[in-house]
């Protein structure tokens, strides 16, 4: 694989999905990997668009077949990046973006040392807490679990190549597009 791979990571609720959607509008040449998960779809999510929703048995089979670049478990659900589509896009010269959690980003760093790792940070802790609570798609216990993990993840941002603060979605997306184009001008 090559340095055309960019990884966007950050704590839950920071707006990774929203920023990636804005990146797609600003830079349609970028290919964004669709992760697999064993969690149930949230309202409005479509299989194959936001995630590929699979059973635990199907996910475990993907792990056994080494068909995932990275994977992790959170709140009882498994998440992972299918290997073949990423490798195919990179081999074809496409600028490629992964939107994954911190644990996955660390696995990518080990597997693809020249990947560009970008950390998306919230403008403040209070704003992150507000965003997570406002979603309304998870129980308070899961929100608290996500906040506890976010504290750890925020400490890890110094291990990333770049940090973007998501205080304005379009500005954050434009900054990410600039970073992607720097490693893969198309």
Protein backbone atom coordinates (compact mmCIF):
# COMPACT_ATOMS: atom_id res chain seq x y z
CA UNK A 1 0.00 0.00 0.00
CA UNK A 2 1.07 3.58 -0.27
CA UNK A 3 1.00 6.95 1.35
CA UNK A 4 -2.20 7.72 -0.55
CA UNK A 5 -3.98 6.24 2.48
CA UNK A 6 -5.33 8.83 4.93
CA UNK A 7 -6.89 7.79 8.22
CA UNK A 8 -9.31 10.07 10.09
CA UNK A 9 -9.79 9.23 13.74
CA UNK A 10 -11.04 10.91 16.87
CA UNK A 11 -13.38 10.37 19.77
CA UNK A 12 -16.98 9.36 19.30
CA UNK A 13 -19.19 12.39 18.76
CA UNK A 14 -16.45 14.63 17.36
CA UNK A 15 -18.15 14.71 13.95
CA UNK A 16 -16.03 12.34 11.88
CA UNK A 17 -18.98 11.25 9.74
CA UNK A 18 -20.17 14.81 9.20
CA UNK A 19 -16.68 15.97 8.20
CA UNK A 20 -16.26 12.98 5.85
CA UNK A 21 -19.60 13.82 4.18
CA UNK A 22 -18.35 17.39 3.63
CA UNK A 23 -15.03 16.05 2.27
CA UNK A 24 -16.97 13.96 -0.26
CA UNK A 25 -18.82 17.08 -1.43
CA UNK A 26 -15.64 19.17 -1.65
CA UNK A 27 -13.42 16.46 -3.14
CA UNK A 28 -15.46 13.81 -4.96
CA UNK A 29 -12.28 12.06 -6.18
CA UNK A 30 -11.65 10.68 -2.68
CA UNK A 31 -12.77 7.13 -2.02
CA UNK A 32 -14.05 6.48 1.49
CA UNK A 33 -13.97 2.94 2.82
CA UNK A 34 -17.18 1.51 4.28
CA UNK A 35 -16.49 -0.32 7.54
CA UNK A 36 -18.21 -3.48 8.73
CA UNK A 37 -19.98 -3.58 12.07
CA UNK A 38 -22.04 -5.96 14.13
CA UNK A 39 -24.11 -3.16 15.68
CA UNK A 40 -27.64 -2.49 14.57
CA UNK A 41 -28.24 0.41 12.17
CA UNK A 42 -29.19 3.76 13.67
CA UNK A 43 -32.24 5.49 12.21
CA UNK A 44 -31.52 6.59 8.65
CA UNK A 45 -28.41 4.42 8.20
CA UNK A 46 -28.31 2.30 5.05
CA UNK A 47 -26.42 -0.98 4.73
CA UNK A 48 -23.41 -0.46 2.48
CA UNK A 49 -23.49 3.34 2.84
CA UNK A 50 -22.63 4.25 6.43
CA UNK A 51 -21.60 0.70 7.37
CA UNK A 52 -21.85 -2.83 6.10
CA UNK A 53 -23.98 -4.44 8.82
CA UNK A 54 -22.97 -8.05 9.45
CA UNK A 55 -23.62 -10.71 12.07
CA UNK A 56 -20.99 -11.53 14.70
CA UNK A 57 -20.40 -14.88 12.95
CA UNK A 58 -19.81 -13.14 9.61
CA UNK A 59 -17.42 -10.66 11.26
CA UNK A 60 -15.48 -13.43 12.99
CA UNK A 61 -15.17 -15.21 9.63
CA UNK A 62 -13.68 -12.03 8.12
CA UNK A 63 -11.13 -11.94 10.97
CA UNK A 64 -10.21 -15.61 10.44
CA UNK A 65 -9.74 -14.98 6.69
CA UNK A 66 -7.50 -11.92 7.37
CA UNK A 67 -10.00 -9.95 5.29
CA UNK A 68 -9.86 -6.89 7.58
CA UNK A 69 -7.09 -4.28 7.70
CA UNK A 70 -8.04 -3.46 11.27
CA UNK A 71 -10.81 -4.21 13.73
CA UNK A 72 -11.88 -3.38 17.25
CA UNK A 73 -14.69 -3.99 19.71
CA UNK A 74 -16.62 -1.25 21.46
CA UNK A 75 -19.75 -1.45 23.62
CA UNK A 76 -20.21 -5.10 22.66
CA UNK A 77 -20.05 -4.42 18.91
CA UNK A 78 -17.29 -5.20 16.43
CA UNK A 79 -16.06 -2.71 13.81
CA UNK A 80 -13.53 -3.29 11.03
CA UNK A 81 -12.19 -2.16 7.65
CA UNK A 82 -12.43 -4.63 4.76
CA UNK A 83 -8.95 -5.11 3.27
CA UNK A 84 -9.65 -5.88 -0.42
CA UNK A 85 -11.52 -2.70 -1.43
CA UNK A 86 -8.86 -0.49 0.21
CA UNK A 87 -6.00 -2.33 -1.46
CA UNK A 88 -7.80 -2.20 -4.84
CA UNK A 89 -8.39 1.57 -4.65
CA UNK A 90 -4.82 2.27 -3.54
CA UNK A 91 -3.40 0.08 -6.32
CA UNK A 92 -5.52 2.05 -8.82
CA UNK A 93 -4.11 5.34 -7.49
CA UNK A 94 -7.26 6.62 -5.77
CA UNK A 95 -6.91 8.96 -2.79
CA UNK A 96 -8.34 6.77 -0.04
CA UNK A 97 -9.80 7.76 3.32
CA UNK A 98 -10.58 5.58 6.31
CA UNK A 99 -12.84 6.88 9.10
CA UNK A 100 -11.97 4.70 12.09
CA UNK A 101 -11.47 4.72 15.84
CA UNK A 102 -8.18 5.21 17.66
CA UNK A 103 -7.52 1.50 18.12
CA UNK A 104 -8.01 0.93 14.40
CA UNK A 105 -5.75 3.87 13.54
CA UNK A 106 -2.99 2.33 15.65
CA UNK A 107 -3.41 -0.97 13.81
CA UNK A 108 -3.19 0.86 10.47
CA UNK A 109 -0.01 2.65 11.65
CA UNK A 110 1.55 -0.77 12.32
CA UNK A 111 0.33 -2.33 9.05
CA UNK A 112 0.82 0.71 6.77
CA UNK A 113 3.60 2.83 8.29
CA UNK A 114 3.41 5.49 5.56
CA UNK A 115 -0.33 6.09 6.01
CA UNK A 116 -1.21 9.65 7.02
CA UNK A 117 -3.02 9.67 10.38
CA UNK A 118 -5.24 12.67 11.09
CA UNK A 119 -6.89 13.26 14.47
CA UNK A 120 -10.19 15.15 14.54
CA UNK A 121 -10.50 16.99 17.85
CA UNK A 122 -13.52 18.73 19.39
CA UNK A 123 -13.33 22.47 20.07
CA UNK A 124 -13.85 21.69 23.78
CA UNK A 125 -14.76 18.89 26.16
CA UNK A 126 -18.16 20.48 26.86
CA UNK A 127 -18.95 20.57 23.14
CA UNK A 128 -18.02 16.90 22.74
CA UNK A 129 -20.27 15.95 25.65
CA UNK A 130 -23.11 18.01 24.18
CA UNK A 131 -22.74 16.39 20.75
CA UNK A 132 -22.78 12.86 22.17
CA UNK A 133 -25.80 13.54 24.36
CA UNK A 134 -27.69 15.33 21.58
CA UNK A 135 -27.49 12.33 19.22
CA UNK A 136 -30.13 10.55 21.28
CA UNK A 137 -29.35 7.18 19.65
CA UNK A 138 -27.74 5.51 22.67
CA UNK A 139 -28.44 4.97 26.33
CA UNK A 140 -26.88 7.26 28.93
CA UNK A 141 -24.65 4.33 29.99
CA UNK A 142 -23.24 4.01 26.45
CA UNK A 143 -22.77 7.79 26.22
CA UNK A 144 -20.83 7.68 29.51
CA UNK A 145 -18.75 4.80 28.16
CA UNK A 146 -18.00 6.81 25.01
CA UNK A 147 -17.03 9.87 27.10
CA UNK A 148 -14.66 7.81 29.26
CA UNK A 149 -13.01 6.45 26.13
CA UNK A 150 -12.87 9.96 24.62
CA UNK A 151 -10.74 11.16 27.55
CA UNK A 152 -8.16 8.48 26.71
CA UNK A 153 -8.39 9.14 22.97
CA UNK A 154 -7.85 12.89 23.37
CA UNK A 155 -4.57 12.14 25.15
CA UNK A 156 -3.44 10.10 22.14
CA UNK A 157 -3.76 12.88 19.57
CA UNK A 158 -0.03 13.69 19.80
CA UNK A 159 0.69 10.29 18.18
CA UNK A 160 -1.04 11.45 14.98
CA UNK A 161 0.61 13.19 12.04
CA UNK A 162 -1.93 16.02 11.96
CA UNK A 163 -4.68 17.39 14.22
CA UNK A 164 -7.76 19.21 12.92
CA UNK A 165 -10.14 20.92 15.35
CA UNK A 166 -13.77 20.46 14.28
CA UNK A 167 -15.15 23.85 15.26
CA UNK A 168 -16.57 24.40 11.76
CA UNK A 169 -17.43 21.41 9.57
CA UNK A 170 -16.67 22.98 6.19
CA UNK A 171 -13.36 24.44 7.39
CA UNK A 172 -12.34 21.11 8.97
CA UNK A 173 -13.28 19.28 5.75
CA UNK A 174 -11.31 21.74 3.62
CA UNK A 175 -8.28 21.23 5.86
CA UNK A 176 -8.62 17.46 5.52
CA UNK A 177 -8.95 17.75 1.72
CA UNK A 178 -5.71 19.76 1.66
CA UNK A 179 -3.95 17.03 3.65
CA UNK A 180 -5.30 14.28 1.38
CA UNK A 181 -4.23 16.17 -1.76
CA UNK A 182 -0.79 16.69 -0.28
CA UNK A 183 -0.18 12.91 -0.16
CA UNK A 184 -2.18 12.05 -3.26
CA UNK A 185 -2.61 14.82 -5.82
CA UNK A 186 -5.19 13.71 -8.38
